[in-house]
């Protein structure tokens, strides 16, 4: 279907297809991983989206509707710190703020991912990690900064919005590494918002989207985890799609090339 003979960069022409190595591809699974370590990677994804630190305190903000994710975060705090950990919960308008103290967790999160919304990033070693780790990190990020959307035709998509393009590109790298294609676009420019008469400065924001096939593949890989936002997908009522001619960005059959 495609002729991928080698060409020098200066010989490329409009209409040529480019085959690029999927640098982080790794479908190997861990022989064993502790429950607390697996839950850490989900929590890390959650923190990447809606978390911050204050001294030795780890803080996460939840939508009031996301009670299953809130309960899972509480369970993680007890796994990490012990049953006697003091977990603080504060209700705010439309959200719930959860926090607990753990110096070693704060240090691990910051040393791995940096801090603050604009500067969080995913390091190379995480992109090269095993499948279970990457799946849980992606799931945690979906449970915080992402949403599951189903349109009127029945097509499902995973959607993310962030002011941090570097972080979204890191998430995209991990999605590619597990065989899932996504696209990133600019959602808005810097500017002034006006919501019901309240104004302020809004930063440039970006949008990452996973299409129907990739969204279903991701959900199946995690067995439609009912503790997460994947619970919005009815695994018994998924729209079937026809095999289409390859176009745009896609992965080779062995997932080793983009």
C-alpha atoms as a PDB file:
ATOM      1  CA  UNK A   1       0.000   0.000   0.000  1.00  0.00           C
ATOM      2  CA  UNK A   2       2.833   2.373   0.883  1.00  0.00           C
ATOM      3  CA  UNK A   3       6.377   2.535  -0.442  1.00  0.00           C
ATOM      4  CA  UNK A   4       8.661   3.421   2.457  1.00  0.00           C
ATOM      5  CA  UNK A   5      11.945   3.544   0.534  1.00  0.00           C
ATOM      6  CA  UNK A   6      14.524   5.784   2.174  1.00  0.00           C
ATOM      7  CA  UNK A   7      14.673   9.419   1.042  1.00  0.00           C
ATOM      8  CA  UNK A   8      16.905  12.231   2.192  1.00  0.00           C
ATOM      9  CA  UNK A   9      15.070  15.106   3.893  1.00  0.00           C
ATOM     10  CA  UNK A  10      15.738  17.486   0.986  1.00  0.00           C
ATOM     11  CA  UNK A  11      14.105  14.975  -1.382  1.00  0.00           C
ATOM     12  CA  UNK A  12      10.750  14.905   0.410  1.00  0.00           C
ATOM     13  CA  UNK A  13       7.748  16.134  -1.554  1.00  0.00           C
ATOM     14  CA  UNK A  14       4.162  17.042  -0.754  1.00  0.00           C
ATOM     15  CA  UNK A  15       2.150  13.824  -0.587  1.00  0.00           C
ATOM     16  CA  UNK A  16       5.001  11.653   0.699  1.00  0.00           C
ATOM     17  CA  UNK A  17       4.362   9.457   3.730  1.00  0.00           C
ATOM     18  CA  UNK A  18       6.817   9.598   6.623  1.00  0.00           C
ATOM     19  CA  UNK A  19       7.524   6.500   8.732  1.00  0.00           C
ATOM     20  CA  UNK A  20       8.795   7.386  12.204  1.00  0.00           C
ATOM     21  CA  UNK A  21       9.932   4.965  14.954  1.00  0.00           C
ATOM     22  CA  UNK A  22       7.506   4.677  17.876  1.00  0.00           C
ATOM     23  CA  UNK A  23      10.345   5.427  20.298  1.00  0.00           C
ATOM     24  CA  UNK A  24       8.620   4.441  23.540  1.00  0.00           C
ATOM     25  CA  UNK A  25       6.793   1.349  22.323  1.00  0.00           C
ATOM     26  CA  UNK A  26       6.803  -1.268  25.063  1.00  0.00           C
ATOM     27  CA  UNK A  27       4.006  -3.803  25.505  1.00  0.00           C
ATOM     28  CA  UNK A  28       5.855  -5.879  28.107  1.00  0.00           C
ATOM     29  CA  UNK A  29       4.194  -6.437  31.456  1.00  0.00           C
ATOM     30  CA  UNK A  30       5.766  -6.588  34.878  1.00  0.00           C
ATOM     31  CA  UNK A  31       6.201 -10.009  36.430  1.00  0.00           C
ATOM     32  CA  UNK A  32       4.916  -8.595  39.683  1.00  0.00           C
ATOM     33  CA  UNK A  33       4.076  -5.207  41.169  1.00  0.00           C
ATOM     34  CA  UNK A  34       2.764  -4.362  44.611  1.00  0.00           C
ATOM     35  CA  UNK A  35      -0.695  -2.919  45.057  1.00  0.00           C
ATOM     36  CA  UNK A  36       0.665   0.281  46.572  1.00  0.00           C
ATOM     37  CA  UNK A  37       3.090   0.798  43.667  1.00  0.00           C
ATOM     38  CA  UNK A  38       0.381   0.264  41.043  1.00  0.00           C
ATOM     39  CA  UNK A  39      -1.936   2.644  42.885  1.00  0.00           C
ATOM     40  CA  UNK A  40       0.901   5.181  43.116  1.00  0.00           C
ATOM     41  CA  UNK A  41       1.013   5.467  39.317  1.00  0.00           C
ATOM     42  CA  UNK A  42      -2.743   6.043  39.129  1.00  0.00           C
ATOM     43  CA  UNK A  43      -2.441   8.660  41.861  1.00  0.00           C
ATOM     44  CA  UNK A  44       0.511  10.286  40.045  1.00  0.00           C
ATOM     45  CA  UNK A  45      -1.666  10.696  36.937  1.00  0.00           C
ATOM     46  CA  UNK A  46      -4.402  12.178  39.095  1.00  0.00           C
ATOM     47  CA  UNK A  47      -1.894  14.606  40.636  1.00  0.00           C
ATOM     48  CA  UNK A  48      -0.561  15.617  37.217  1.00  0.00           C
ATOM     49  CA  UNK A  49      -4.018  16.863  36.305  1.00  0.00           C
ATOM     50  CA  UNK A  50      -5.569  18.325  39.449  1.00  0.00           C
ATOM     51  CA  UNK A  51      -2.943  18.105  42.175  1.00  0.00           C
ATOM     52  CA  UNK A  52      -0.426  20.302  43.930  1.00  0.00           C
ATOM     53  CA  UNK A  53       1.789  20.277  47.006  1.00  0.00           C
ATOM     54  CA  UNK A  54       1.962  22.579  50.016  1.00  0.00           C
ATOM     55  CA  UNK A  55       4.981  21.868  52.171  1.00  0.00           C
ATOM     56  CA  UNK A  56       4.738  18.153  52.941  1.00  0.00           C
ATOM     57  CA  UNK A  57       1.056  18.008  52.055  1.00  0.00           C
ATOM     58  CA  UNK A  58      -0.287  16.410  48.878  1.00  0.00           C
ATOM     59  CA  UNK A  59      -3.504  18.015  47.637  1.00  0.00           C
ATOM     60  CA  UNK A  60      -5.998  16.942  44.963  1.00  0.00           C
ATOM     61  CA  UNK A  61      -9.164  18.653  43.755  1.00  0.00           C
ATOM     62  CA  UNK A  62     -12.152  16.533  42.689  1.00  0.00           C
ATOM     63  CA  UNK A  63     -15.419  17.324  40.984  1.00  0.00           C
ATOM     64  CA  UNK A  64     -18.242  16.618  43.440  1.00  0.00           C
ATOM     65  CA  UNK A  65     -19.628  14.022  40.991  1.00  0.00           C
ATOM     66  CA  UNK A  66     -16.409  11.974  40.948  1.00  0.00           C
ATOM     67  CA  UNK A  67     -16.998  10.130  44.222  1.00  0.00           C
ATOM     68  CA  UNK A  68     -15.423   6.832  43.094  1.00  0.00           C
ATOM     69  CA  UNK A  69     -12.126   8.588  42.291  1.00  0.00           C
ATOM     70  CA  UNK A  70     -12.262  10.402  45.625  1.00  0.00           C
ATOM     71  CA  UNK A  71     -12.739   7.101  47.468  1.00  0.00           C
ATOM     72  CA  UNK A  72      -9.877   5.508  45.546  1.00  0.00           C
ATOM     73  CA  UNK A  73      -7.564   8.409  46.456  1.00  0.00           C
ATOM     74  CA  UNK A  74      -8.438   7.957  50.132  1.00  0.00           C
ATOM     75  CA  UNK A  75      -7.617   4.257  49.877  1.00  0.00           C
ATOM     76  CA  UNK A  76      -4.275   5.105  48.286  1.00  0.00           C
ATOM     77  CA  UNK A  77      -3.443   7.530  51.105  1.00  0.00           C
ATOM     78  CA  UNK A  78      -4.008   4.715  53.611  1.00  0.00           C
ATOM     79  CA  UNK A  79      -1.952   2.267  51.552  1.00  0.00           C
ATOM     80  CA  UNK A  80       0.942   4.716  51.279  1.00  0.00           C
ATOM     81  CA  UNK A  81       0.904   6.214  54.761  1.00  0.00           C
ATOM     82  CA  UNK A  82      -0.872   3.598  56.856  1.00  0.00           C
ATOM     83  CA  UNK A  83      -4.407   3.335  58.216  1.00  0.00           C
ATOM     84  CA  UNK A  84      -3.805   6.053  60.811  1.00  0.00           C
ATOM     85  CA  UNK A  85      -3.116   8.778  58.213  1.00  0.00           C
ATOM     86  CA  UNK A  86      -5.090  11.996  58.716  1.00  0.00           C
ATOM     87  CA  UNK A  87      -7.004  12.762  55.525  1.00  0.00           C
ATOM     88  CA  UNK A  88      -8.502  16.225  55.275  1.00  0.00           C
ATOM     89  CA  UNK A  89     -11.491  16.893  53.063  1.00  0.00           C
ATOM     90  CA  UNK A  90     -12.863  20.350  52.354  1.00  0.00           C
ATOM     91  CA  UNK A  91     -15.936  21.110  50.286  1.00  0.00           C
ATOM     92  CA  UNK A  92     -15.706  24.034  47.933  1.00  0.00           C
ATOM     93  CA  UNK A  93     -18.182  25.365  45.407  1.00  0.00           C
ATOM     94  CA  UNK A  94     -18.493  22.555  42.859  1.00  0.00           C
ATOM     95  CA  UNK A  95     -15.407  20.678  44.068  1.00  0.00           C
ATOM     96  CA  UNK A  96     -13.900  18.710  46.935  1.00  0.00           C
ATOM     97  CA  UNK A  97     -10.332  19.271  48.099  1.00  0.00           C
ATOM     98  CA  UNK A  98      -8.527  16.271  49.561  1.00  0.00           C
ATOM     99  CA  UNK A  99      -5.134  16.474  51.288  1.00  0.00           C
ATOM    100  CA  UNK A 100      -2.823  14.458  53.519  1.00  0.00           C
ATOM    101  CA  UNK A 101       0.765  14.714  54.733  1.00  0.00           C
ATOM    102  CA  UNK A 102       3.530  12.555  53.257  1.00  0.00           C
ATOM    103  CA  UNK A 103       7.029  13.950  52.862  1.00  0.00           C
ATOM    104  CA  UNK A 104       8.323  11.006  50.827  1.00  0.00           C
ATOM    105  CA  UNK A 105       5.330  11.101  48.437  1.00  0.00           C
ATOM    106  CA  UNK A 106       5.776  14.851  47.895  1.00  0.00           C
ATOM    107  CA  UNK A 107       9.470  14.334  47.182  1.00  0.00           C
ATOM    108  CA  UNK A 108       8.813  11.497  44.734  1.00  0.00           C
ATOM    109  CA  UNK A 109       6.118  13.375  42.813  1.00  0.00           C
ATOM    110  CA  UNK A 110       8.169  16.555  42.490  1.00  0.00           C
ATOM    111  CA  UNK A 111      11.454  14.816  41.647  1.00  0.00           C
ATOM    112  CA  UNK A 112       9.702  12.759  38.961  1.00  0.00           C
ATOM    113  CA  UNK A 113       7.232  15.214  37.421  1.00  0.00           C
ATOM    114  CA  UNK A 114       8.240  18.696  38.643  1.00  0.00           C
ATOM    115  CA  UNK A 115       5.494  20.959  40.037  1.00  0.00           C
ATOM    116  CA  UNK A 116       2.992  23.686  39.076  1.00  0.00           C
ATOM    117  CA  UNK A 117       0.524  23.411  36.193  1.00  0.00           C
ATOM    118  CA  UNK A 118       2.806  25.071  33.620  1.00  0.00           C
ATOM    119  CA  UNK A 119       5.937  23.091  34.489  1.00  0.00           C
ATOM    120  CA  UNK A 120       4.834  19.511  35.169  1.00  0.00           C
ATOM    121  CA  UNK A 121       6.385  17.078  32.702  1.00  0.00           C
ATOM    122  CA  UNK A 122       6.734  13.346  32.065  1.00  0.00           C
ATOM    123  CA  UNK A 123      10.369  12.136  32.103  1.00  0.00           C
ATOM    124  CA  UNK A 124      11.863   9.769  29.552  1.00  0.00           C
ATOM    125  CA  UNK A 125      12.153   6.843  31.975  1.00  0.00           C
ATOM    126  CA  UNK A 126       8.394   6.911  32.620  1.00  0.00           C
ATOM    127  CA  UNK A 127       7.673   6.867  28.867  1.00  0.00           C
ATOM    128  CA  UNK A 128       9.812   3.720  28.606  1.00  0.00           C
ATOM    129  CA  UNK A 129       8.138   1.953  31.559  1.00  0.00           C
ATOM    130  CA  UNK A 130       6.039  -1.218  31.420  1.00  0.00           C
ATOM    131  CA  UNK A 131       2.461  -1.350  30.236  1.00  0.00           C
ATOM    132  CA  UNK A 132       0.720  -1.526  33.650  1.00  0.00           C
ATOM    133  CA  UNK A 133       2.495   1.613  34.855  1.00  0.00           C
ATOM    134  CA  UNK A 134       1.630   3.603  31.749  1.00  0.00           C
ATOM    135  CA  UNK A 135      -1.995   2.431  31.761  1.00  0.00           C
ATOM    136  CA  UNK A 136      -2.493   3.529  35.367  1.00  0.00           C
ATOM    137  CA  UNK A 137      -0.773   6.885  34.802  1.00  0.00           C
ATOM    138  CA  UNK A 138      -3.029   7.557  31.802  1.00  0.00           C
ATOM    139  CA  UNK A 139      -6.105   6.442  33.752  1.00  0.00           C
ATOM    140  CA  UNK A 140      -5.261   8.767  36.634  1.00  0.00           C
ATOM    141  CA  UNK A 141      -4.796  11.666  34.252  1.00  0.00           C
ATOM    142  CA  UNK A 142      -8.135  10.852  32.620  1.00  0.00           C
ATOM    143  CA  UNK A 143      -9.774  10.785  36.066  1.00  0.00           C
ATOM    144  CA  UNK A 144      -8.528  14.320  36.740  1.00  0.00           C
ATOM    145  CA  UNK A 145      -8.024  16.485  33.652  1.00  0.00           C
ATOM    146  CA  UNK A 146      -9.871  14.279  31.184  1.00  0.00           C
ATOM    147  CA  UNK A 147     -13.401  13.338  30.247  1.00  0.00           C
ATOM    148  CA  UNK A 148     -15.172  10.541  28.370  1.00  0.00           C
ATOM    149  CA  UNK A 149     -17.466  11.877  25.653  1.00  0.00           C
ATOM    150  CA  UNK A 150     -20.068  10.040  23.571  1.00  0.00           C
ATOM    151  CA  UNK A 151     -21.647  11.849  20.636  1.00  0.00           C
ATOM    152  CA  UNK A 152     -25.144  11.402  19.212  1.00  0.00           C
ATOM    153  CA  UNK A 153     -23.908   8.770  16.751  1.00  0.00           C
ATOM    154  CA  UNK A 154     -22.485   6.635  19.547  1.00  0.00           C
ATOM    155  CA  UNK A 155     -18.816   7.387  18.924  1.00  0.00           C
ATOM    156  CA  UNK A 156     -16.657   7.620  22.056  1.00  0.00           C
ATOM    157  CA  UNK A 157     -13.672   9.896  22.628  1.00  0.00           C
ATOM    158  CA  UNK A 158     -11.297  10.686  25.467  1.00  0.00           C
ATOM    159  CA  UNK A 159     -10.703  14.435  25.793  1.00  0.00           C
ATOM    160  CA  UNK A 160      -8.089  16.416  27.747  1.00  0.00           C
ATOM    161  CA  UNK A 161      -7.473  20.154  28.146  1.00  0.00           C
ATOM    162  CA  UNK A 162      -4.317  21.719  29.599  1.00  0.00           C
ATOM    163  CA  UNK A 163      -2.293  24.942  29.528  1.00  0.00           C
ATOM    164  CA  UNK A 164       0.841  22.748  29.499  1.00  0.00           C
ATOM    165  CA  UNK A 165       1.646  21.623  25.938  1.00  0.00           C
ATOM    166  CA  UNK A 166       4.762  19.744  27.099  1.00  0.00           C
ATOM    167  CA  UNK A 167       2.670  17.642  29.490  1.00  0.00           C
ATOM    168  CA  UNK A 168       0.059  16.853  26.821  1.00  0.00           C
ATOM    169  CA  UNK A 169       2.798  15.846  24.379  1.00  0.00           C
ATOM    170  CA  UNK A 170       4.181  13.533  27.077  1.00  0.00           C
ATOM    171  CA  UNK A 171       0.733  11.976  27.480  1.00  0.00           C
ATOM    172  CA  UNK A 172       0.556  11.603  23.693  1.00  0.00           C
ATOM    173  CA  UNK A 173       3.957   9.862  23.655  1.00  0.00           C
ATOM    174  CA  UNK A 174       2.680   7.329  26.191  1.00  0.00           C
ATOM    175  CA  UNK A 175      -0.534   6.805  24.225  1.00  0.00           C
ATOM    176  CA  UNK A 176       1.525   6.094  21.089  1.00  0.00           C
ATOM    177  CA  UNK A 177       3.708   3.718  23.112  1.00  0.00           C
ATOM    178  CA  UNK A 178       0.709   1.509  23.939  1.00  0.00           C
ATOM    179  CA  UNK A 179      -0.658   1.585  20.396  1.00  0.00           C
ATOM    180  CA  UNK A 180      -3.165   4.446  20.632  1.00  0.00           C
ATOM    181  CA  UNK A 181      -3.262   7.422  18.268  1.00  0.00           C
ATOM    182  CA  UNK A 182      -4.331  10.878  19.475  1.00  0.00           C
ATOM    183  CA  UNK A 183      -4.165  14.437  18.198  1.00  0.00           C
ATOM    184  CA  UNK A 184      -3.360  17.762  19.854  1.00  0.00           C
ATOM    185  CA  UNK A 185      -4.737  21.133  18.814  1.00  0.00           C
ATOM    186  CA  UNK A 186      -4.789  24.647  20.251  1.00  0.00           C
ATOM    187  CA  UNK A 187      -8.053  25.297  22.073  1.00  0.00           C
ATOM    188  CA  UNK A 188      -7.650  29.022  22.728  1.00  0.00           C
ATOM    189  CA  UNK A 189      -5.108  31.844  22.867  1.00  0.00           C
ATOM    190  CA  UNK A 190      -4.139  33.974  25.832  1.00  0.00           C
ATOM    191  CA  UNK A 191      -6.887  36.453  26.605  1.00  0.00           C
ATOM    192  CA  UNK A 192      -9.471  37.848  28.990  1.00  0.00           C
ATOM    193  CA  UNK A 193     -12.442  35.755  30.048  1.00  0.00           C
ATOM    194  CA  UNK A 194     -15.825  37.162  31.023  1.00  0.00           C
ATOM    195  CA  UNK A 195     -18.132  34.729  32.837  1.00  0.00           C
ATOM    196  CA  UNK A 196     -21.334  36.250  34.182  1.00  0.00           C
ATOM    197  CA  UNK A 197     -19.616  39.603  34.600  1.00  0.00           C
ATOM    198  CA  UNK A 198     -16.491  38.205  36.277  1.00  0.00           C
ATOM    199  CA  UNK A 199     -13.358  38.840  34.249  1.00  0.00           C
ATOM    200  CA  UNK A 200      -9.771  37.669  34.456  1.00  0.00           C
ATOM    201  CA  UNK A 201      -6.764  36.511  32.453  1.00  0.00           C
ATOM    202  CA  UNK A 202      -6.828  33.078  30.829  1.00  0.00           C
ATOM    203  CA  UNK A 203      -3.754  31.301  29.529  1.00  0.00           C
ATOM    204  CA  UNK A 204      -3.353  29.649  26.165  1.00  0.00           C
ATOM    205  CA  UNK A 205      -4.796  26.144  26.343  1.00  0.00           C
ATOM    206  CA  UNK A 206      -4.461  22.953  24.317  1.00  0.00           C
ATOM    207  CA  UNK A 207      -6.749  20.027  23.597  1.00  0.00           C
ATOM    208  CA  UNK A 208      -5.786  16.345  23.236  1.00  0.00           C
ATOM    209  CA  UNK A 209      -8.315  13.937  21.768  1.00  0.00           C
ATOM    210  CA  UNK A 210      -8.371  10.140  21.411  1.00  0.00           C
ATOM    211  CA  UNK A 211     -10.802   8.871  18.774  1.00  0.00           C
ATOM    212  CA  UNK A 212     -13.374   6.094  19.027  1.00  0.00           C
ATOM    213  CA  UNK A 213     -11.171   3.076  18.271  1.00  0.00           C
ATOM    214  CA  UNK A 214      -8.356   4.253  20.545  1.00  0.00           C
ATOM    215  CA  UNK A 215     -10.779   5.075  23.353  1.00  0.00           C
ATOM    216  CA  UNK A 216     -12.389   1.630  23.202  1.00  0.00           C
ATOM    217  CA  UNK A 217      -8.967  -0.053  23.055  1.00  0.00           C
ATOM    218  CA  UNK A 218      -7.825   1.857  26.141  1.00  0.00           C
ATOM    219  CA  UNK A 219     -11.022   1.022  28.047  1.00  0.00           C
ATOM    220  CA  UNK A 220     -10.784  -2.665  27.138  1.00  0.00           C
ATOM    221  CA  UNK A 221      -7.152  -2.770  28.289  1.00  0.00           C
ATOM    222  CA  UNK A 222      -8.316  -1.639  31.722  1.00  0.00           C
ATOM    223  CA  UNK A 223     -11.439  -3.839  31.742  1.00  0.00           C
ATOM    224  CA  UNK A 224     -13.667  -0.735  31.734  1.00  0.00           C
ATOM    225  CA  UNK A 225     -12.500   0.081  35.281  1.00  0.00           C
ATOM    226  CA  UNK A 226     -15.694   0.987  37.155  1.00  0.00           C
ATOM    227  CA  UNK A 227     -13.775   3.083  39.712  1.00  0.00           C
ATOM    228  CA  UNK A 228     -12.843   5.533  36.943  1.00  0.00           C
ATOM    229  CA  UNK A 229     -14.475   7.736  34.336  1.00  0.00           C
ATOM    230  CA  UNK A 230     -14.401   4.693  32.049  1.00  0.00           C
ATOM    231  CA  UNK A 231     -17.566   3.626  33.875  1.00  0.00           C
ATOM    232  CA  UNK A 232     -19.371   6.007  31.494  1.00  0.00           C
ATOM    233  CA  UNK A 233     -18.705   3.546  28.656  1.00  0.00           C
ATOM    234  CA  UNK A 234     -21.257   0.752  28.286  1.00  0.00           C
ATOM    235  CA  UNK A 235     -19.070  -2.197  27.282  1.00  0.00           C
ATOM    236  CA  UNK A 236     -22.148  -4.062  26.031  1.00  0.00           C
ATOM    237  CA  UNK A 237     -23.222  -1.247  23.714  1.00  0.00           C
ATOM    238  CA  UNK A 238     -20.181  -0.079  21.776  1.00  0.00           C
ATOM    239  CA  UNK A 239     -20.636   1.170  18.237  1.00  0.00           C
ATOM    240  CA  UNK A 240     -18.859  -1.034  15.707  1.00  0.00           C
ATOM    241  CA  UNK A 241     -16.864   0.704  12.970  1.00  0.00           C
ATOM    242  CA  UNK A 242     -15.894  -0.380   9.474  1.00  0.00           C
ATOM    243  CA  UNK A 243     -12.269  -0.818   8.455  1.00  0.00           C
ATOM    244  CA  UNK A 244     -11.334   2.404   6.665  1.00  0.00           C
ATOM    245  CA  UNK A 245      -8.456   3.170   4.322  1.00  0.00           C
ATOM    246  CA  UNK A 246      -5.493   4.471   6.326  1.00  0.00           C
ATOM    247  CA  UNK A 247      -5.180   8.244   6.319  1.00  0.00           C
ATOM    248  CA  UNK A 248      -3.595  10.932   8.459  1.00  0.00           C
ATOM    249  CA  UNK A 249      -1.538   9.676  11.396  1.00  0.00           C
ATOM    250  CA  UNK A 250      -1.656   5.952  12.154  1.00  0.00           C
ATOM    251  CA  UNK A 251       0.459   3.149  13.619  1.00  0.00           C
ATOM    252  CA  UNK A 252       1.972   0.175  11.810  1.00  0.00           C
ATOM    253  CA  UNK A 253       0.407  -3.222  12.574  1.00  0.00           C
ATOM    254  CA  UNK A 254       3.185  -4.051  15.034  1.00  0.00           C
ATOM    255  CA  UNK A 255       2.884  -0.577  16.663  1.00  0.00           C
ATOM    256  CA  UNK A 256       6.620   0.004  16.171  1.00  0.00           C
ATOM    257  CA  UNK A 257       6.246   2.840  13.663  1.00  0.00           C
ATOM    258  CA  UNK A 258       4.093   5.969  13.420  1.00  0.00           C
END
